[in-house]
């Protein structure tokens, strides 16, 4: 299992604290060199080593603080991602529902217009059939009336 960034930073802090403790143990204050004058080469070397070591430690601390700040910034960005993604999902679900509703409404409208067209065509066909039947019946009635008139005419002609 890989260690997390927080664990790595904690481990580096522990190492840094251990190095600082070792440095403090090695540190010999100038007062402990009563026999060495402050211009002695050993004294100057010891002071220079200590200054270099302290500057190295300060540089590492600054680097560590910079890494911690970068890590905290990345962590805060990562914590906002789920809420952003949740809001995006909610927006997409809403738009999907709206699109589905609009699609269903359009389909319903299409079905209604198709149904109206089918009914209109059926009514028109039935009207045509009835018109043909009425005309046929009118012809039959006209023929029957003409026959009846002829019969009446024949009957009146025969009577005279």
Protein backbone atom coordinates (compact mmCIF):
# COMPACT_ATOMS: atom_id res chain seq x y z
CA UNK A 1 0.00 0.00 0.00
CA UNK A 2 1.34 3.44 -0.92
CA UNK A 3 1.70 6.00 1.88
CA UNK A 4 -0.46 9.09 1.65
CA UNK A 5 0.95 12.57 1.20
CA UNK A 6 0.11 13.42 4.81
CA UNK A 7 2.09 10.38 6.02
CA UNK A 8 5.08 11.36 3.86
CA UNK A 9 5.02 14.91 5.20
CA UNK A 10 4.76 13.66 8.79
CA UNK A 11 7.73 11.34 8.20
CA UNK A 12 9.79 14.23 6.76
CA UNK A 13 8.90 16.35 9.79
CA UNK A 14 10.09 13.60 12.11
CA UNK A 15 13.36 13.30 10.20
CA UNK A 16 13.84 17.07 10.34
CA UNK A 17 13.17 17.13 14.09
CA UNK A 18 15.70 14.31 14.58
CA UNK A 19 18.31 16.21 12.55
CA UNK A 20 17.64 19.39 14.52
CA UNK A 21 18.03 17.48 17.79
CA UNK A 22 21.32 15.98 16.57
CA UNK A 23 22.50 19.41 15.51
CA UNK A 24 21.63 20.89 18.87
CA UNK A 25 23.59 18.11 20.56
CA UNK A 26 26.58 18.88 18.35
CA UNK A 27 26.24 22.59 18.88
CA UNK A 28 28.98 23.95 20.99
CA UNK A 29 28.41 27.54 22.05
CA UNK A 30 31.37 29.90 21.73
CA UNK A 31 31.56 30.18 25.49
CA UNK A 32 32.65 26.54 25.66
CA UNK A 33 35.81 27.46 23.75
CA UNK A 34 37.49 29.61 26.35
CA UNK A 35 40.87 28.44 25.27
CA UNK A 36 40.21 29.26 21.61
CA UNK A 37 40.28 32.87 20.61
CA UNK A 38 37.41 33.98 18.38
CA UNK A 39 39.86 34.47 15.55
CA UNK A 40 41.14 30.92 15.71
CA UNK A 41 40.63 28.82 12.54
CA UNK A 42 38.90 25.97 14.44
CA UNK A 43 36.46 28.38 16.02
CA UNK A 44 35.75 30.01 12.64
CA UNK A 45 35.23 26.61 11.01
CA UNK A 46 32.87 25.52 13.77
CA UNK A 47 30.86 28.72 13.48
CA UNK A 48 30.77 28.45 9.68
CA UNK A 49 29.63 24.82 9.88
CA UNK A 50 26.91 25.77 12.31
CA UNK A 51 25.76 28.71 10.16
CA UNK A 52 25.71 26.49 7.06
CA UNK A 53 23.84 23.77 8.91
CA UNK A 54 21.27 26.24 10.28
CA UNK A 55 20.75 27.78 6.84
CA UNK A 56 20.27 24.29 5.38
CA UNK A 57 17.73 23.50 8.07
CA UNK A 58 15.89 26.78 7.45
CA UNK A 59 15.84 26.08 3.70
CA UNK A 60 14.42 22.62 4.33
CA UNK A 61 11.81 24.03 6.71
CA UNK A 62 10.79 26.60 4.08
CA UNK A 63 10.57 23.84 1.49
CA UNK A 64 8.52 21.73 3.89
CA UNK A 65 6.13 24.62 4.60
CA UNK A 66 5.78 25.27 0.86
CA UNK A 67 4.96 21.59 0.29
CA UNK A 68 2.45 21.61 3.13
CA UNK A 69 0.75 24.69 1.66
CA UNK A 70 0.66 23.08 -1.81
CA UNK A 71 -0.70 19.89 -0.31
CA UNK A 72 -3.39 21.79 1.63
CA UNK A 73 -4.37 23.66 -1.53
CA UNK A 74 -4.60 20.42 -3.55
CA UNK A 75 -6.60 18.80 -0.76
CA UNK A 76 -9.07 21.70 -0.64
CA UNK A 77 -9.47 21.53 -4.43
CA UNK A 78 -10.05 17.77 -4.22
CA UNK A 79 -12.66 18.26 -1.50
CA UNK A 80 -14.64 20.66 -3.70
CA UNK A 81 -14.65 18.31 -6.70
CA UNK A 82 -17.36 15.94 -5.37
CA UNK A 83 -19.78 18.78 -4.66
CA UNK A 84 -19.14 20.26 -8.12
CA UNK A 85 -19.67 16.87 -9.74
CA UNK A 86 -22.86 16.33 -7.70
CA UNK A 87 -24.25 19.65 -8.91
CA UNK A 88 -23.30 18.77 -12.51
CA UNK A 89 -25.06 15.41 -12.14
CA UNK A 90 -28.17 17.14 -10.77
CA UNK A 91 -28.16 19.60 -13.68
CA UNK A 92 -27.76 16.77 -16.20
CA UNK A 93 -30.56 14.76 -14.59
CA UNK A 94 -32.82 17.80 -14.70
CA UNK A 95 -32.03 18.51 -18.36
CA UNK A 96 -32.52 14.81 -19.20
CA UNK A 97 -35.91 14.87 -17.52
CA UNK A 98 -36.87 18.04 -19.38
CA UNK A 99 -35.69 16.57 -22.69
CA UNK A 100 -37.58 13.35 -22.04
CA UNK A 101 -40.73 15.29 -21.13
CA UNK A 102 -40.43 17.45 -24.26
CA UNK A 103 -39.86 14.36 -26.38
CA UNK A 104 -42.91 12.65 -24.89
CA UNK A 105 -45.01 15.78 -25.44
CA UNK A 106 -43.89 15.95 -29.09
CA UNK A 107 -44.65 12.25 -29.56
CA UNK A 108 -48.05 12.69 -27.94
CA UNK A 109 -48.81 15.65 -30.20
CA UNK A 110 -47.73 13.59 -33.24
CA UNK A 111 -49.94 10.69 -32.17
CA UNK A 112 -52.89 13.02 -31.62
CA UNK A 113 -52.49 14.64 -35.03
CA UNK A 114 -52.14 11.18 -36.63
CA UNK A 115 -55.27 10.04 -34.79
CA UNK A 116 -57.17 13.14 -35.94
CA UNK A 117 -56.04 12.52 -39.52
CA UNK A 118 -57.16 8.88 -39.38
CA UNK A 119 -60.55 9.86 -37.93
CA UNK A 120 -61.00 12.63 -40.51
CA UNK A 121 -60.17 10.22 -43.35
CA UNK A 122 -62.58 7.59 -41.97
CA UNK A 123 -65.39 10.16 -41.65
CA UNK A 124 -64.70 11.40 -45.20
CA UNK A 125 -64.79 7.84 -46.57
CA UNK A 126 -68.03 7.11 -44.74
CA UNK A 127 -69.58 10.34 -46.04
CA UNK A 128 -68.61 9.31 -49.58
CA UNK A 129 -70.16 5.86 -49.06
CA UNK A 130 -73.35 7.41 -47.69
CA UNK A 131 -73.49 9.91 -50.58
CA UNK A 132 -73.24 7.02 -53.06
CA UNK A 133 -75.98 5.10 -51.20
CA UNK A 134 -78.22 8.22 -51.08
CA UNK A 135 -77.74 8.83 -54.80
CA UNK A 136 -78.51 5.18 -55.57
CA UNK A 137 -81.61 5.37 -53.42
CA UNK A 138 -82.66 8.64 -55.06
CA UNK A 139 -82.33 6.94 -58.47
CA UNK A 140 -84.38 3.99 -57.24
CA UNK A 141 -87.03 6.35 -55.83
CA UNK A 142 -87.03 8.40 -59.06
CA UNK A 143 -87.38 5.19 -61.10
CA UNK A 144 -90.17 3.98 -58.81
CA UNK A 145 -91.93 7.34 -59.08
CA UNK A 146 -91.54 7.28 -62.85
CA UNK A 147 -93.00 3.73 -62.94
CA UNK A 148 -95.78 4.77 -60.65
CA UNK A 149 -96.49 7.81 -62.83
CA UNK A 150 -96.55 5.60 -65.94
CA UNK A 151 -98.89 3.20 -64.22
CA UNK A 152 -101.14 6.07 -63.27
CA UNK A 153 -100.96 7.42 -66.83
CA UNK A 154 -101.73 4.00 -68.26
CA UNK A 155 -104.58 3.58 -65.83
CA UNK A 156 -105.99 6.99 -66.73
CA UNK A 157 -105.51 6.28 -70.46
CA UNK A 158 -107.23 2.94 -70.19
CA UNK A 159 -110.10 4.43 -68.31
CA UNK A 160 -110.87 6.81 -71.15
